[in-house]
Amino acid sequence: MIRSRLAASLALAAALTAAAAGGVHWRASARERAAEAAFPPEGRLLDVGGQRVHAVVMGEGPDLVLLHGLSANARDFTFSLAPRLAERYRVIVFDRPGLGHSQPLPPGADGIFDQARVLRDAAAELGAERPIVLGQSYGGAVALAWAVEFPGSAAALVSVAGPSQGCSPRSSRRRRRRRAMPIMSARRWHCAARRCGSTPAIGRSCCPRSRPWSRATPA
């Protein structure tokens, strides 16, 4: 008797959980469709090796690629900055993979170097073989990865508050005690800066007291 009641309770709980999950999924899908309808793609949807990448192109002149930050999209740039830069450059603004209208990369293959590869190929498909690459915040890390992995495919690198070191401390007290570990090694970071005609000083735009070429420095 007790076992049958327990089984019935578990079955009811499972059914309610499934119904709740289905409702959440339906709501999320509805909101996604509404957002896509309200904010359709501003540019072109490219097929880059089976990967959908959204790109907005405007202006004429030297090629300039803009990479937005974390949890953002191309509209961060197309709102105001990109049109002004388009007066002097051929501006290419991407939705990074998994954001905006660009398709996510497979789990486990969606890091900064994977994103850099896809976006470099997308830029090449648009005829930008050696563009200036500007990355903001997380996009700056992707820009650094682009310069490291494909040094001949970037005419210059511009990092706008782009992180070159990892971060993880849970509290400000621990943050003062722990040491930052770089996203890429000292040798590779310095190599990227040299190949792009820049200097390691770029990294200090994010954290003035850090030294990107040092393996362990106070954060």
Foldseek 3Di string as FASTA:
>chain_A
DVVVVVVVVVVVVVVVVVVVVVVVVVVVVVVVVVVCVVPPQPADFDQQVNWTKGKDWAAAEAEEEEAEAPQDAQCVCVVPPVVVCRPHHGYIYIGFDPHDPTHHDDPPQRDLLSSLVRVQSVCVVVVQQAGAYEYEACGLVSQLSNLLVPVVRYLAYAYHLYAQWDDDDPDPVVLQVAWTAGPDALVSSQVSQVSRVHGQVNNCNNPVQDRSNDGTDRD
